[in-house]
Amino acid sequence: MNQKSLSRQGATALTTPPPIGAPWPGLPGYRYAGVMRGAAGQPDYHLAVLTGPAAAKLKGTWGEYGANVKGADHRRDGLVNTAAMAAAGSVLAQKVQAADAYIASQAEAQLVSANLHEDMPKGWHWTSTQYSPYYAWVQGFGNGNSGIDYKTNEFRAVAVRRFVLQSFGPSKAPAGADVGTAAEVAA
């Protein structure tokens, strides 16, 4: 699973996103959470969070206590973190990927909390950001707190998808098309 597939599959191409909190057109169960700044020179993107019964099924432990998962310490990029978690054997990350989503990073989960805290189930939720071999970051909904918890505790995951922002400048892509990544636009 990669950014391109999560940016394109199952979603209606939009020139304007829905209002924050509204359902994302073409993706049942997803609500628009807002805009994230891309990490490390990557393009900015819209973030949609999975809510409702489908999200409730995505619950489990973060991973193995004491295992340092290389590549899962990105505070801003949950897509990279989730791929590293899944490769290291995280059943939760694999379940979220099978649902064609990824686990939000610490920063992405904070955006969801800031904009949609009332739409999320109360309690702690896993982010994909590792704190240490023993702990990972969690996001609380209802109170907005974030912190760390033992990787072996069981929580729901903050499952999200991203959609690369369309450029307002000249582009080779037709108006209203899902432009994908910056490299695809330049090609």
C-alpha atoms as a PDB file:
ATOM      1  CA  MET A   1       0.000   0.000   0.000  1.00  0.00           C
ATOM      2  CA  ASN A   2       1.432   3.390  -0.927  1.00  0.00           C
ATOM      3  CA  GLN A   3       0.495   7.051  -0.937  1.00  0.00           C
ATOM      4  CA  LYS A   4      -0.703   6.906  -4.544  1.00  0.00           C
ATOM      5  CA  SER A   5      -3.199   4.120  -3.853  1.00  0.00           C
ATOM      6  CA  LEU A   6      -4.460   5.811  -0.695  1.00  0.00           C
ATOM      7  CA  SER A   7      -4.781   9.091  -2.574  1.00  0.00           C
ATOM      8  CA  ARG A   8      -6.835   7.791  -5.475  1.00  0.00           C
ATOM      9  CA  GLN A   9      -8.854   4.661  -4.817  1.00  0.00           C
ATOM     10  CA  GLY A  10     -12.531   4.952  -4.051  1.00  0.00           C
ATOM     11  CA  ALA A  11     -12.766   8.727  -3.848  1.00  0.00           C
ATOM     12  CA  THR A  12     -14.502  11.231  -6.051  1.00  0.00           C
ATOM     13  CA  ALA A  13     -12.100  13.748  -7.610  1.00  0.00           C
ATOM     14  CA  LEU A  14     -12.774  17.055  -5.908  1.00  0.00           C
ATOM     15  CA  THR A  15     -11.812  20.605  -6.725  1.00  0.00           C
ATOM     16  CA  THR A  16     -13.111  21.745  -3.325  1.00  0.00           C
ATOM     17  CA  PRO A  17     -13.138  19.514  -0.241  1.00  0.00           C
ATOM     18  CA  PRO A  18     -16.300  19.111   1.808  1.00  0.00           C
ATOM     19  CA  PRO A  19     -16.679  21.198   4.984  1.00  0.00           C
ATOM     20  CA  ILE A  20     -14.638  19.926   7.942  1.00  0.00           C
ATOM     21  CA  GLY A  21     -16.573  17.148   9.647  1.00  0.00           C
ATOM     22  CA  ALA A  22     -18.687  16.362   6.586  1.00  0.00           C
ATOM     23  CA  PRO A  23     -18.595  12.946   4.908  1.00  0.00           C
ATOM     24  CA  TRP A  24     -15.935  12.554   2.219  1.00  0.00           C
ATOM     25  CA  PRO A  25     -17.758  11.942  -1.107  1.00  0.00           C
ATOM     26  CA  GLY A  26     -17.257   8.426  -2.426  1.00  0.00           C
ATOM     27  CA  LEU A  27     -15.771   7.050   0.809  1.00  0.00           C
ATOM     28  CA  PRO A  28     -18.453   5.696   3.144  1.00  0.00           C
ATOM     29  CA  GLY A  29     -17.570   6.172   6.809  1.00  0.00           C
ATOM     30  CA  TYR A  30     -14.882   8.819   6.214  1.00  0.00           C
ATOM     31  CA  ARG A  31     -15.159  12.420   7.400  1.00  0.00           C
ATOM     32  CA  TYR A  32     -13.026  15.350   6.304  1.00  0.00           C
ATOM     33  CA  ALA A  33     -10.563  16.304   9.061  1.00  0.00           C
ATOM     34  CA  GLY A  34      -8.653  19.159   7.413  1.00  0.00           C
ATOM     35  CA  VAL A  35      -5.361  19.925   5.678  1.00  0.00           C
ATOM     36  CA  MET A  36      -1.957  18.603   6.761  1.00  0.00           C
ATOM     37  CA  ARG A  37       1.335  20.126   5.757  1.00  0.00           C
ATOM     38  CA  GLY A  38       3.436  17.551   3.938  1.00  0.00           C
ATOM     39  CA  ALA A  39       6.484  16.235   5.802  1.00  0.00           C
ATOM     40  CA  ALA A  40      10.039  16.657   4.521  1.00  0.00           C
ATOM     41  CA  GLY A  41       9.155  18.433   1.285  1.00  0.00           C
ATOM     42  CA  GLN A  42       6.189  16.194   0.415  1.00  0.00           C
ATOM     43  CA  PRO A  43       3.042  17.908  -0.903  1.00  0.00           C
ATOM     44  CA  ASP A  44       0.357  19.084   1.507  1.00  0.00           C
ATOM     45  CA  TYR A  45      -2.739  16.891   1.657  1.00  0.00           C
ATOM     46  CA  HIS A  46      -6.341  16.602   2.779  1.00  0.00           C
ATOM     47  CA  LEU A  47      -6.919  14.137   5.614  1.00  0.00           C
ATOM     48  CA  ALA A  48     -10.070  12.022   5.981  1.00  0.00           C
ATOM     49  CA  VAL A  49     -10.674   9.922   9.122  1.00  0.00           C
ATOM     50  CA  LEU A  50     -12.631   6.678   9.313  1.00  0.00           C
ATOM     51  CA  THR A  51     -15.520   6.836  11.802  1.00  0.00           C
ATOM     52  CA  GLY A  52     -18.412   4.609  12.803  1.00  0.00           C
ATOM     53  CA  PRO A  53     -18.659   0.806  12.908  1.00  0.00           C
ATOM     54  CA  ALA A  54     -15.779   0.181  10.484  1.00  0.00           C
ATOM     55  CA  ALA A  55     -13.413   2.221  12.670  1.00  0.00           C
ATOM     56  CA  ALA A  56     -14.540   0.412  15.828  1.00  0.00           C
ATOM     57  CA  LYS A  57     -13.220  -2.882  14.400  1.00  0.00           C
ATOM     58  CA  LEU A  58      -9.683  -1.479  14.094  1.00  0.00           C
ATOM     59  CA  LYS A  59      -8.579  -2.162  17.650  1.00  0.00           C
ATOM     60  CA  GLY A  60      -5.531  -3.915  19.062  1.00  0.00           C
ATOM     61  CA  THR A  61      -2.036  -3.540  20.448  1.00  0.00           C
ATOM     62  CA  TRP A  62       0.472  -1.232  18.755  1.00  0.00           C
ATOM     63  CA  GLY A  63       3.139  -3.904  18.521  1.00  0.00           C
ATOM     64  CA  GLU A  64       5.723  -5.858  20.448  1.00  0.00           C
ATOM     65  CA  TYR A  65       6.860  -4.380  23.769  1.00  0.00           C
ATOM     66  CA  GLY A  66      10.614  -3.768  23.671  1.00  0.00           C
ATOM     67  CA  ALA A  67      10.883  -3.876  19.877  1.00  0.00           C
ATOM     68  CA  ASN A  68      12.293  -0.789  18.193  1.00  0.00           C
ATOM     69  CA  VAL A  69      10.430  -0.478  14.878  1.00  0.00           C
ATOM     70  CA  LYS A  70      12.764   1.346  12.499  1.00  0.00           C
ATOM     71  CA  GLY A  71      10.914   3.916  10.439  1.00  0.00           C
ATOM     72  CA  ALA A  72       7.916   4.281  12.792  1.00  0.00           C
ATOM     73  CA  ASP A  73       9.117   7.397  14.586  1.00  0.00           C
ATOM     74  CA  HIS A  74       7.865  10.030  12.144  1.00  0.00           C
ATOM     75  CA  ARG A  75       5.838  12.559  14.118  1.00  0.00           C
ATOM     76  CA  ARG A  76       4.121  13.797  10.934  1.00  0.00           C
ATOM     77  CA  ASP A  77       3.967  10.902   8.428  1.00  0.00           C
ATOM     78  CA  GLY A  78       1.589   8.144   9.457  1.00  0.00           C
ATOM     79  CA  LEU A  79       1.739   6.439   6.069  1.00  0.00           C
ATOM     80  CA  VAL A  80       5.479   5.745   6.506  1.00  0.00           C
ATOM     81  CA  ASN A  81       5.003   4.753  10.161  1.00  0.00           C
ATOM     82  CA  THR A  82       2.181   2.312   9.387  1.00  0.00           C
ATOM     83  CA  ALA A  83       4.187   0.620   6.641  1.00  0.00           C
ATOM     84  CA  ALA A  84       7.084   0.134   9.093  1.00  0.00           C
ATOM     85  CA  MET A  85       4.723  -1.206  11.770  1.00  0.00           C
ATOM     86  CA  ALA A  86       3.128  -3.683   9.357  1.00  0.00           C
ATOM     87  CA  ALA A  87       6.528  -4.867   8.098  1.00  0.00           C
ATOM     88  CA  ALA A  88       7.564  -5.467  11.731  1.00  0.00           C
ATOM     89  CA  GLY A  89       4.511  -7.693  12.263  1.00  0.00           C
ATOM     90  CA  SER A  90       1.976  -5.321  13.864  1.00  0.00           C
ATOM     91  CA  VAL A  91      -1.405  -7.020  13.462  1.00  0.00           C
ATOM     92  CA  LEU A  92      -3.158  -3.682  14.053  1.00  0.00           C
ATOM     93  CA  ALA A  93      -1.211  -1.961  11.259  1.00  0.00           C
ATOM     94  CA  GLN A  94      -1.944  -4.878   8.936  1.00  0.00           C
ATOM     95  CA  LYS A  95      -5.690  -4.692   9.735  1.00  0.00           C
ATOM     96  CA  VAL A  96      -5.738  -0.955   9.032  1.00  0.00           C
ATOM     97  CA  GLN A  97      -3.865  -1.429   5.745  1.00  0.00           C
ATOM     98  CA  ALA A  98      -6.322  -4.189   4.773  1.00  0.00           C
ATOM     99  CA  ALA A  99      -9.072  -1.579   5.257  1.00  0.00           C
ATOM    100  CA  ASP A 100      -7.228   0.584   2.654  1.00  0.00           C
ATOM    101  CA  ALA A 101      -6.190   3.139   5.274  1.00  0.00           C
ATOM    102  CA  TYR A 102      -3.228   3.896   7.523  1.00  0.00           C
ATOM    103  CA  ILE A 103      -2.796   4.805  11.197  1.00  0.00           C
ATOM    104  CA  ALA A 104      -2.508   8.555  11.726  1.00  0.00           C
ATOM    105  CA  SER A 105       0.796   9.934  12.978  1.00  0.00           C
ATOM    106  CA  GLN A 106       0.884  11.904  16.210  1.00  0.00           C
ATOM    107  CA  ALA A 107       0.462  15.206  14.329  1.00  0.00           C
ATOM    108  CA  GLU A 108      -2.315  13.845  12.086  1.00  0.00           C
ATOM    109  CA  ALA A 109      -4.198  12.513  15.138  1.00  0.00           C
ATOM    110  CA  GLN A 110      -3.907  15.932  16.778  1.00  0.00           C
ATOM    111  CA  LEU A 111      -5.523  17.506  13.693  1.00  0.00           C
ATOM    112  CA  VAL A 112      -8.353  14.970  13.926  1.00  0.00           C
ATOM    113  CA  SER A 113      -8.749  15.776  17.624  1.00  0.00           C
ATOM    114  CA  ALA A 114      -8.751  19.524  17.016  1.00  0.00           C
ATOM    115  CA  ASN A 115     -11.399  19.352  14.293  1.00  0.00           C
ATOM    116  CA  LEU A 116     -13.479  16.238  14.994  1.00  0.00           C
ATOM    117  CA  HIS A 117     -13.106  15.391  18.683  1.00  0.00           C
ATOM    118  CA  GLU A 118     -16.891  15.218  19.114  1.00  0.00           C
ATOM    119  CA  ASP A 119     -17.193  12.684  16.253  1.00  0.00           C
ATOM    120  CA  MET A 120     -14.613  10.263  17.629  1.00  0.00           C
ATOM    121  CA  PRO A 121     -15.260   7.669  20.359  1.00  0.00           C
ATOM    122  CA  LYS A 122     -14.041   8.866  23.747  1.00  0.00           C
ATOM    123  CA  GLY A 123     -10.855   7.332  25.089  1.00  0.00           C
ATOM    124  CA  TRP A 124      -7.310   6.693  23.933  1.00  0.00           C
ATOM    125  CA  HIS A 125      -6.502   5.832  20.321  1.00  0.00           C
ATOM    126  CA  TRP A 126      -3.214   4.630  18.874  1.00  0.00           C
ATOM    127  CA  THR A 127      -1.194   6.810  16.554  1.00  0.00           C
ATOM    128  CA  SER A 128       1.498   5.255  14.381  1.00  0.00           C
ATOM    129  CA  THR A 129       4.287   7.303  15.980  1.00  0.00           C
ATOM    130  CA  GLN A 130       6.661   5.264  18.125  1.00  0.00           C
ATOM    131  CA  TYR A 131       8.101   6.944  21.219  1.00  0.00           C
ATOM    132  CA  SER A 132      10.573   4.207  22.194  1.00  0.00           C
ATOM    133  CA  PRO A 133      10.900   0.417  22.001  1.00  0.00           C
ATOM    134  CA  TYR A 134       8.358   0.250  24.863  1.00  0.00           C
ATOM    135  CA  TYR A 135       5.916   3.109  24.190  1.00  0.00           C
ATOM    136  CA  ALA A 136       3.996   4.719  21.333  1.00  0.00           C
ATOM    137  CA  TRP A 137       2.011   7.953  21.135  1.00  0.00           C
ATOM    138  CA  VAL A 138      -1.717   7.886  21.855  1.00  0.00           C
ATOM    139  CA  GLN A 139      -4.387  10.529  21.263  1.00  0.00           C
ATOM    140  CA  GLY A 140      -7.284  11.090  23.620  1.00  0.00           C
ATOM    141  CA  PHE A 141     -10.634  12.112  22.202  1.00  0.00           C
ATOM    142  CA  GLY A 142     -12.999  14.057  24.365  1.00  0.00           C
ATOM    143  CA  ASN A 143     -10.236  15.811  26.305  1.00  0.00           C
ATOM    144  CA  GLY A 144      -7.768  16.392  23.448  1.00  0.00           C
ATOM    145  CA  ASN A 145      -4.766  15.128  25.399  1.00  0.00           C
ATOM    146  CA  SER A 146      -1.960  13.162  23.832  1.00  0.00           C
ATOM    147  CA  GLY A 147       0.631  11.064  25.590  1.00  0.00           C
ATOM    148  CA  ILE A 148       2.469   7.771  25.462  1.00  0.00           C
ATOM    149  CA  ASP A 149       1.368   4.293  26.497  1.00  0.00           C
ATOM    150  CA  TYR A 150       2.701   0.744  26.573  1.00  0.00           C
ATOM    151  CA  LYS A 151       2.692  -0.820  23.094  1.00  0.00           C
ATOM    152  CA  THR A 152       0.941  -3.908  24.488  1.00  0.00           C
ATOM    153  CA  ASN A 153      -2.185  -2.054  25.639  1.00  0.00           C
ATOM    154  CA  GLU A 154      -5.236  -2.400  23.418  1.00  0.00           C
ATOM    155  CA  PHE A 155      -6.798   0.712  21.876  1.00  0.00           C
ATOM    156  CA  ARG A 156      -8.547   1.724  18.679  1.00  0.00           C
ATOM    157  CA  ALA A 157      -6.425   3.101  15.861  1.00  0.00           C
ATOM    158  CA  VAL A 158      -6.994   6.503  14.259  1.00  0.00           C
ATOM    159  CA  ALA A 159      -7.487   5.206  10.678  1.00  0.00           C
ATOM    160  CA  VAL A 160      -7.085   7.834   7.962  1.00  0.00           C
ATOM    161  CA  ARG A 161      -6.601   8.374   4.237  1.00  0.00           C
ATOM    162  CA  ARG A 162      -4.884  11.257   2.475  1.00  0.00           C
ATOM    163  CA  PHE A 163      -5.604  13.130  -0.733  1.00  0.00           C
ATOM    164  CA  VAL A 164      -2.863  15.290  -2.235  1.00  0.00           C
ATOM    165  CA  LEU A 165      -3.829  18.943  -2.587  1.00  0.00           C
ATOM    166  CA  GLN A 166      -4.384  20.075  -6.125  1.00  0.00           C
ATOM    167  CA  SER A 167      -2.248  22.899  -7.396  1.00  0.00           C
ATOM    168  CA  PHE A 168      -3.906  26.228  -8.075  1.00  0.00           C
ATOM    169  CA  GLY A 169      -1.253  26.996 -10.695  1.00  0.00           C
ATOM    170  CA  PRO A 170      -1.023  25.739 -14.268  1.00  0.00           C
ATOM    171  CA  SER A 171      -1.007  21.973 -14.505  1.00  0.00           C
ATOM    172  CA  LYS A 172      -1.082  19.291 -17.154  1.00  0.00           C
ATOM    173  CA  ALA A 173      -3.922  17.594 -15.294  1.00  0.00           C
ATOM    174  CA  PRO A 174      -7.473  18.293 -16.459  1.00  0.00           C
ATOM    175  CA  ALA A 175      -9.572  20.534 -14.239  1.00  0.00           C
ATOM    176  CA  GLY A 176     -11.118  18.604 -11.352  1.00  0.00           C
ATOM    177  CA  ALA A 177      -8.845  15.560 -11.757  1.00  0.00           C
ATOM    178  CA  ASP A 178      -7.151  13.847  -8.822  1.00  0.00           C
ATOM    179  CA  VAL A 179      -3.587  14.937  -9.555  1.00  0.00           C
ATOM    180  CA  GLY A 180      -1.774  12.411  -7.341  1.00  0.00           C
ATOM    181  CA  THR A 181       1.773  13.307  -6.358  1.00  0.00           C
ATOM    182  CA  ALA A 182       3.799  16.343  -7.364  1.00  0.00           C
ATOM    183  CA  ALA A 183       6.032  14.094  -9.499  1.00  0.00           C
ATOM    184  CA  GLU A 184       3.004  12.843 -11.435  1.00  0.00           C
ATOM    185  CA  VAL A 185       1.860  16.411 -12.122  1.00  0.00           C
ATOM    186  CA  ALA A 186       5.289  17.404 -13.397  1.00  0.00           C
ATOM    187  CA  ALA A 187       5.518  14.393 -15.737  1.00  0.00           C
END
